[in-house]
């Protein structure tokens, strides 16, 4: 089973958004971290069904500190973000 790095950020009204740095256009939302984790897993599966494939191999969590430009472009403050691995269920 593959896992993809997701960055979870809370918005101004308290909802959470999951963004996948190496899966452009694949995002998920939820009311809490548990909700967004479930939604993120579903979003990966839907992306795979619609596009036929996902980037391979998935990035490593150790690469995140090197992503300053991507974080800035996506308006993500790393000190307020939650980083996790999201499983891709086949």
N, C-alpha and C. Protein backbone atom coordinates (compact mmCIF):
# COMPACT_ATOMS: atom_id res chain seq x y z
N UNK A 1 0.85 -1.18 0.00
CA UNK A 1 0.00 0.00 0.00
C UNK A 1 0.89 1.24 0.00
N UNK A 2 0.58 2.18 -0.88
CA UNK A 2 1.32 3.43 -0.93
C UNK A 2 0.70 4.44 0.02
N UNK A 3 1.53 5.36 0.46
CA UNK A 3 1.09 6.49 1.28
C UNK A 3 1.58 7.77 0.62
N UNK A 4 0.77 8.81 0.68
CA UNK A 4 1.14 10.11 0.13
C UNK A 4 1.14 11.15 1.23
N UNK A 5 2.10 12.07 1.16
CA UNK A 5 2.19 13.15 2.13
C UNK A 5 1.02 14.10 1.92
N UNK A 6 0.35 14.43 3.01
CA UNK A 6 -0.71 15.44 2.98
C UNK A 6 -0.39 16.49 4.04
N UNK A 7 -0.68 17.71 3.70
CA UNK A 7 -0.50 18.81 4.65
C UNK A 7 -1.89 19.32 4.98
N UNK A 8 -2.21 19.28 6.26
CA UNK A 8 -3.52 19.70 6.75
C UNK A 8 -3.40 21.08 7.36
N UNK A 9 -4.28 21.99 6.93
CA UNK A 9 -4.29 23.34 7.47
C UNK A 9 -5.71 23.72 7.85
N UNK A 10 -5.81 24.42 8.96
CA UNK A 10 -7.11 24.88 9.44
C UNK A 10 -7.38 26.27 8.85
N UNK A 11 -8.60 26.48 8.35
CA UNK A 11 -8.93 27.79 7.79
C UNK A 11 -9.50 28.70 8.87
N UNK A 12 -9.86 29.91 8.45
CA UNK A 12 -10.31 30.93 9.41
C UNK A 12 -11.62 30.60 10.11
N UNK A 13 -12.42 29.66 9.57
CA UNK A 13 -13.68 29.31 10.24
C UNK A 13 -13.59 27.96 10.96
N UNK A 14 -12.38 27.39 11.02
CA UNK A 14 -12.19 26.16 11.79
C UNK A 14 -12.30 24.88 11.00
N UNK A 15 -12.53 24.95 9.69
CA UNK A 15 -12.54 23.74 8.87
C UNK A 15 -11.11 23.40 8.46
N UNK A 16 -10.90 22.15 8.09
CA UNK A 16 -9.56 21.68 7.72
C UNK A 16 -9.50 21.36 6.24
N UNK A 17 -8.34 21.61 5.65
CA UNK A 17 -8.10 21.32 4.23
C UNK A 17 -6.85 20.46 4.15
N UNK A 18 -6.90 19.44 3.32
CA UNK A 18 -5.74 18.59 3.05
C UNK A 18 -5.25 18.87 1.64
N UNK A 19 -3.95 19.09 1.52
CA UNK A 19 -3.33 19.35 0.23
C UNK A 19 -2.20 18.34 0.06
N UNK A 20 -2.11 17.78 -1.14
CA UNK A 20 -1.06 16.80 -1.45
C UNK A 20 -0.01 17.47 -2.32
N UNK A 21 1.18 17.71 -1.79
CA UNK A 21 2.21 18.40 -2.56
C UNK A 21 2.58 17.72 -3.88
N UNK A 22 2.56 16.39 -3.90
CA UNK A 22 2.97 15.73 -5.14
C UNK A 22 1.80 15.15 -5.92
N UNK A 23 0.57 15.59 -5.60
CA UNK A 23 -0.61 15.21 -6.39
C UNK A 23 -1.39 16.50 -6.67
N UNK A 24 -0.93 17.29 -7.64
CA UNK A 24 -1.56 18.58 -7.92
C UNK A 24 -3.06 18.45 -8.22
N UNK A 25 -3.82 19.33 -7.62
CA UNK A 25 -5.26 19.34 -7.84
C UNK A 25 -6.05 18.41 -6.94
N UNK A 26 -5.37 17.62 -6.16
CA UNK A 26 -6.05 16.69 -5.25
C UNK A 26 -6.09 17.33 -3.86
N UNK A 27 -7.29 17.67 -3.42
CA UNK A 27 -7.49 18.29 -2.11
C UNK A 27 -8.71 17.66 -1.44
N UNK A 28 -8.80 17.88 -0.15
CA UNK A 28 -9.94 17.39 0.62
C UNK A 28 -10.24 18.38 1.73
N UNK A 29 -11.46 18.32 2.24
CA UNK A 29 -11.89 19.20 3.33
C UNK A 29 -12.63 18.38 4.38
N UNK A 30 -12.63 18.90 5.62
CA UNK A 30 -13.35 18.26 6.70
C UNK A 30 -13.50 19.21 7.87
N UNK A 31 -14.40 18.85 8.78
CA UNK A 31 -14.68 19.71 9.94
C UNK A 31 -13.66 19.54 11.07
N UNK A 32 -12.94 18.42 11.04
CA UNK A 32 -11.89 18.17 12.04
C UNK A 32 -10.81 17.34 11.36
N UNK A 33 -9.71 17.11 12.04
CA UNK A 33 -8.60 16.38 11.43
C UNK A 33 -9.03 14.96 11.04
N UNK A 34 -9.83 14.29 11.87
CA UNK A 34 -10.30 12.95 11.52
C UNK A 34 -11.14 12.97 10.25
N UNK A 35 -12.03 13.96 10.12
CA UNK A 35 -12.86 14.08 8.92
C UNK A 35 -12.01 14.30 7.68
N UNK A 36 -11.05 15.21 7.79
CA UNK A 36 -10.24 15.53 6.61
C UNK A 36 -9.32 14.37 6.25
N UNK A 37 -8.88 13.58 7.21
CA UNK A 37 -8.07 12.41 6.91
C UNK A 37 -8.89 11.40 6.10
N UNK A 38 -10.14 11.16 6.52
CA UNK A 38 -11.01 10.26 5.77
C UNK A 38 -11.27 10.80 4.37
N UNK A 39 -11.56 12.11 4.29
CA UNK A 39 -11.81 12.75 2.99
C UNK A 39 -10.57 12.71 2.10
N UNK A 40 -9.41 12.86 2.70
CA UNK A 40 -8.17 12.83 1.93
C UNK A 40 -7.93 11.45 1.32
N UNK A 41 -8.21 10.40 2.07
CA UNK A 41 -8.07 9.04 1.55
C UNK A 41 -9.02 8.84 0.37
N UNK A 42 -10.24 9.33 0.52
CA UNK A 42 -11.23 9.23 -0.56
C UNK A 42 -10.80 10.05 -1.78
N UNK A 43 -10.24 11.23 -1.54
CA UNK A 43 -9.80 12.10 -2.63
C UNK A 43 -8.68 11.45 -3.44
N UNK A 44 -7.75 10.79 -2.76
CA UNK A 44 -6.69 10.07 -3.47
C UNK A 44 -7.27 8.97 -4.35
N UNK A 45 -8.22 8.22 -3.80
CA UNK A 45 -8.84 7.13 -4.55
C UNK A 45 -9.57 7.69 -5.77
N UNK A 46 -10.32 8.77 -5.60
CA UNK A 46 -11.04 9.39 -6.72
C UNK A 46 -10.07 9.91 -7.77
N UNK A 47 -8.98 10.52 -7.33
CA UNK A 47 -7.97 11.03 -8.26
C UNK A 47 -7.42 9.88 -9.10
N UNK A 48 -7.13 8.76 -8.46
CA UNK A 48 -6.60 7.59 -9.16
C UNK A 48 -7.62 7.08 -10.18
N UNK A 49 -8.88 7.00 -9.80
CA UNK A 49 -9.92 6.53 -10.72
C UNK A 49 -10.07 7.46 -11.92
N UNK A 50 -10.00 8.77 -11.69
CA UNK A 50 -10.20 9.73 -12.76
C UNK A 50 -8.99 9.86 -13.68
N UNK A 51 -7.79 9.72 -13.14
CA UNK A 51 -6.57 9.96 -13.90
C UNK A 51 -5.80 8.70 -14.27
N UNK A 52 -6.16 7.58 -13.70
CA UNK A 52 -5.51 6.32 -14.04
C UNK A 52 -4.22 6.04 -13.31
N UNK A 53 -3.61 7.07 -12.70
CA UNK A 53 -2.37 6.85 -11.97
C UNK A 53 -2.11 8.01 -11.03
N UNK A 54 -1.19 7.78 -10.12
CA UNK A 54 -0.72 8.80 -9.18
C UNK A 54 0.79 8.89 -9.33
N UNK A 55 1.38 10.01 -8.90
CA UNK A 55 2.84 10.10 -8.97
C UNK A 55 3.50 8.94 -8.22
N UNK A 56 4.54 8.43 -8.81
CA UNK A 56 5.25 7.33 -8.19
C UNK A 56 6.73 7.58 -8.33
N UNK A 57 7.52 7.38 -7.34
CA UNK A 57 7.11 7.07 -5.97
C UNK A 57 6.64 8.32 -5.24
N UNK A 58 5.83 8.13 -4.20
CA UNK A 58 5.38 9.28 -3.39
C UNK A 58 6.58 9.96 -2.73
N UNK A 59 6.46 11.26 -2.49
CA UNK A 59 7.54 11.99 -1.83
C UNK A 59 7.72 11.51 -0.40
N UNK A 60 8.85 11.81 0.15
CA UNK A 60 9.19 11.45 1.52
C UNK A 60 8.90 12.65 2.43
N UNK A 61 8.46 12.40 3.64
CA UNK A 61 8.18 13.49 4.57
C UNK A 61 9.42 14.33 4.85
N UNK A 62 10.59 13.76 4.69
CA UNK A 62 11.83 14.50 4.92
C UNK A 62 12.04 15.61 3.89
N UNK A 63 11.29 15.56 2.77
CA UNK A 63 11.40 16.58 1.72
C UNK A 63 10.64 17.86 2.06
N UNK A 64 9.78 17.83 3.04
CA UNK A 64 8.92 18.99 3.34
C UNK A 64 9.70 20.26 3.68
N UNK A 65 10.76 20.20 4.48
CA UNK A 65 11.50 21.44 4.77
C UNK A 65 12.08 22.12 3.52
N UNK A 66 12.25 21.37 2.44
CA UNK A 66 12.80 21.92 1.20
C UNK A 66 11.73 22.52 0.30
N UNK A 67 10.50 22.53 0.75
CA UNK A 67 9.37 22.96 -0.08
C UNK A 67 8.93 24.40 0.23
N UNK A 68 9.83 25.26 0.58
CA UNK A 68 9.46 26.62 0.99
C UNK A 68 8.63 27.34 -0.07
N UNK A 69 9.02 27.24 -1.33
CA UNK A 69 8.29 27.92 -2.41
C UNK A 69 6.86 27.39 -2.51
N UNK A 70 6.71 26.06 -2.50
CA UNK A 70 5.38 25.45 -2.60
C UNK A 70 4.51 25.86 -1.41
N UNK A 71 5.08 25.85 -0.21
CA UNK A 71 4.33 26.24 0.98
C UNK A 71 3.86 27.69 0.86
N UNK A 72 4.73 28.57 0.39
CA UNK A 72 4.37 29.98 0.23
C UNK A 72 3.29 30.15 -0.83
N UNK A 73 3.41 29.46 -1.95
CA UNK A 73 2.42 29.55 -3.03
C UNK A 73 1.04 29.09 -2.56
N UNK A 74 1.01 28.13 -1.65
CA UNK A 74 -0.26 27.59 -1.15
C UNK A 74 -0.68 28.22 0.17
N UNK A 75 0.02 29.29 0.56
CA UNK A 75 -0.29 30.06 1.76
C UNK A 75 -0.38 29.18 3.00
N UNK A 76 0.64 28.35 3.17
CA UNK A 76 0.70 27.43 4.30
C UNK A 76 1.78 27.87 5.26
N UNK A 77 1.40 28.09 6.49
CA UNK A 77 2.34 28.40 7.56
C UNK A 77 2.73 27.06 8.20
N UNK A 78 3.95 26.58 7.98
CA UNK A 78 4.34 25.27 8.51
C UNK A 78 4.17 25.14 10.02
N UNK A 79 4.26 26.26 10.75
CA UNK A 79 4.12 26.18 12.20
C UNK A 79 2.67 25.91 12.62
N UNK A 80 1.72 26.06 11.68
CA UNK A 80 0.30 25.83 11.99
C UNK A 80 -0.28 24.65 11.23
N UNK A 81 0.56 23.93 10.51
CA UNK A 81 0.09 22.82 9.68
C UNK A 81 0.35 21.47 10.36
N UNK A 82 -0.45 20.50 9.99
CA UNK A 82 -0.27 19.12 10.43
C UNK A 82 0.14 18.33 9.19
N UNK A 83 1.23 17.59 9.29
CA UNK A 83 1.71 16.79 8.17
C UNK A 83 1.48 15.32 8.51
N UNK A 84 0.93 14.59 7.54
CA UNK A 84 0.65 13.18 7.78
C UNK A 84 0.79 12.41 6.48
N UNK A 85 0.88 11.12 6.61
CA UNK A 85 0.88 10.23 5.46
C UNK A 85 -0.54 9.70 5.31
N UNK A 86 -1.07 9.78 4.09
CA UNK A 86 -2.43 9.32 3.81
C UNK A 86 -2.32 8.06 2.96
N UNK A 87 -2.97 6.96 3.38
CA UNK A 87 -2.86 5.73 2.62
C UNK A 87 -3.74 5.75 1.37
N UNK A 88 -3.22 5.12 0.34
CA UNK A 88 -4.01 4.91 -0.87
C UNK A 88 -4.51 3.48 -0.82
N UNK A 89 -5.80 3.35 -0.62
CA UNK A 89 -6.40 2.02 -0.58
C UNK A 89 -6.77 1.62 -2.00
N UNK A 90 -6.27 0.48 -2.42
CA UNK A 90 -6.54 0.03 -3.79
C UNK A 90 -7.95 -0.51 -3.89
